[in-house]
């Protein structure tokens, strides 16, 4: 089963890291990616550009509107994701607990809905 691990953090916290701390965080994520590939959990992972680059779309009463920025005002912003293949939720949670950015923020784990027609 596939699970999406949404990585949330405060951009200001990440911006406050020293170059050495930032480089270690990037290296830690690279090491996790390698470990997930070896274990068969890895499907995809990526960091996202800063939230200021987001555009939110909505359709209301048949009209499309676009707004600069994220949909919700929150303390933490969506910073990246891991799409993993796991046996079950417990397996997915064990994988998510290893995501290095969890030291600075939050990781939300959600099963991916299979919309394939039978």
Protein backbone atom coordinates (compact mmCIF):
# COMPACT_ATOMS: atom_id res chain seq x y z
CA UNK A 1 0.00 0.00 0.00
CA UNK A 2 1.22 3.49 -0.77
CA UNK A 3 1.44 6.20 1.89
CA UNK A 4 2.17 9.89 1.45
CA UNK A 5 4.36 11.40 4.14
CA UNK A 6 3.79 15.15 4.08
CA UNK A 7 6.67 17.07 5.66
CA UNK A 8 5.69 20.34 7.36
CA UNK A 9 8.06 22.86 8.89
CA UNK A 10 8.37 26.54 9.57
CA UNK A 11 10.36 28.12 6.77
CA UNK A 12 11.85 30.60 9.24
CA UNK A 13 13.31 27.72 11.27
CA UNK A 14 14.96 26.24 8.20
CA UNK A 15 16.20 29.65 7.07
CA UNK A 16 17.83 30.05 10.50
CA UNK A 17 20.04 26.98 10.07
CA UNK A 18 23.74 27.52 9.56
CA UNK A 19 25.17 26.33 6.26
CA UNK A 20 26.70 23.35 8.07
CA UNK A 21 23.36 22.43 9.68
CA UNK A 22 21.53 22.81 6.36
CA UNK A 23 24.11 20.70 4.51
CA UNK A 24 23.77 17.98 7.16
CA UNK A 25 19.97 18.02 6.83
CA UNK A 26 20.24 17.64 3.05
CA UNK A 27 22.79 14.83 3.45
CA UNK A 28 20.55 13.10 6.01
CA UNK A 29 17.64 13.19 3.56
CA UNK A 30 19.88 11.77 0.84
CA UNK A 31 20.94 8.94 3.16
CA UNK A 32 17.30 8.20 3.98
CA UNK A 33 16.42 8.13 0.27
CA UNK A 34 19.21 5.58 -0.30
CA UNK A 35 18.03 3.45 2.65
CA UNK A 36 14.41 3.56 1.45
CA UNK A 37 15.48 2.47 -2.04
CA UNK A 38 17.39 -0.47 -0.57
CA UNK A 39 14.45 -1.50 1.65
CA UNK A 40 11.93 -1.22 -1.20
CA UNK A 41 9.92 1.55 0.49
CA UNK A 42 10.93 4.38 -1.87
CA UNK A 43 8.50 5.54 -4.55
CA UNK A 44 9.25 9.29 -4.75
CA UNK A 45 10.44 12.18 -2.59
CA UNK A 46 11.10 15.86 -3.10
CA UNK A 47 11.39 19.16 -1.33
CA UNK A 48 9.12 22.03 -2.33
CA UNK A 49 10.04 25.60 -3.17
CA UNK A 50 9.15 28.20 -0.49
CA UNK A 51 5.47 28.80 0.21
CA UNK A 52 5.67 32.27 -1.34
CA UNK A 53 5.92 30.52 -4.74
CA UNK A 54 2.57 28.71 -4.25
CA UNK A 55 -0.55 29.49 -6.24
CA UNK A 56 -3.91 28.27 -4.94
CA UNK A 57 -6.73 27.54 -7.38
CA UNK A 58 -10.44 27.32 -6.58
CA UNK A 59 -13.58 26.97 -8.64
CA UNK A 60 -16.67 28.58 -7.11
CA UNK A 61 -19.94 28.95 -8.99
CA UNK A 62 -18.16 27.82 -12.15
CA UNK A 63 -15.50 30.55 -11.90
CA UNK A 64 -11.83 29.80 -11.53
CA UNK A 65 -9.86 32.01 -9.17
CA UNK A 66 -6.14 31.98 -8.49
CA UNK A 67 -4.53 33.33 -5.34
CA UNK A 68 -0.85 33.76 -4.63
CA UNK A 69 0.28 31.78 -1.62
CA UNK A 70 -0.90 28.71 0.22
CA UNK A 71 -4.54 27.79 0.85
CA UNK A 72 -4.44 27.86 4.66
CA UNK A 73 -2.75 30.20 7.09
CA UNK A 74 -0.70 27.95 9.35
CA UNK A 75 2.43 28.13 11.45
CA UNK A 76 4.01 25.29 9.49
CA UNK A 77 4.14 25.05 5.72
CA UNK A 78 4.25 22.01 3.47
CA UNK A 79 7.96 21.67 2.73
CA UNK A 80 8.16 18.35 0.90
CA UNK A 81 6.94 14.80 0.67
CA UNK A 82 7.86 11.16 0.54
CA UNK A 83 5.65 8.73 -1.35
CA UNK A 84 6.41 5.31 0.06
CA UNK A 85 5.27 1.74 -0.38
CA UNK A 86 4.66 0.09 3.00
CA UNK A 87 3.11 -3.14 4.25
CA UNK A 88 0.70 -1.30 6.54
CA UNK A 89 0.30 1.87 8.62
CA UNK A 90 2.74 0.68 11.29
CA UNK A 91 5.41 0.12 8.64
CA UNK A 92 4.66 3.55 7.13
CA UNK A 93 4.94 5.21 10.55
CA UNK A 94 8.31 3.56 11.17
CA UNK A 95 9.56 4.92 7.85
CA UNK A 96 8.12 8.40 8.47
CA UNK A 97 9.78 8.59 11.89
CA UNK A 98 13.16 8.45 10.10
CA UNK A 99 12.53 11.55 7.95
CA UNK A 100 15.24 14.01 9.08
CA UNK A 101 13.01 17.10 8.83
CA UNK A 102 10.86 15.69 11.64
CA UNK A 103 13.46 17.25 13.95
CA UNK A 104 12.23 20.68 12.84
CA UNK A 105 8.56 20.13 12.08
CA UNK A 106 5.84 17.56 11.57
CA UNK A 107 5.26 14.62 9.26
CA UNK A 108 1.68 13.71 8.36
CA UNK A 109 1.21 10.13 7.11
CA UNK A 110 -1.81 9.36 4.96
CA UNK A 111 -2.74 6.35 2.87
CA UNK A 112 -3.04 7.02 -0.85
CA UNK A 113 -6.51 6.23 -2.16
CA UNK A 114 -6.54 3.76 -5.03
CA UNK A 115 -8.87 5.22 -7.65
CA UNK A 116 -8.22 2.47 -10.20
CA UNK A 117 -11.43 1.07 -11.68
CA UNK A 118 -11.85 -2.69 -11.19
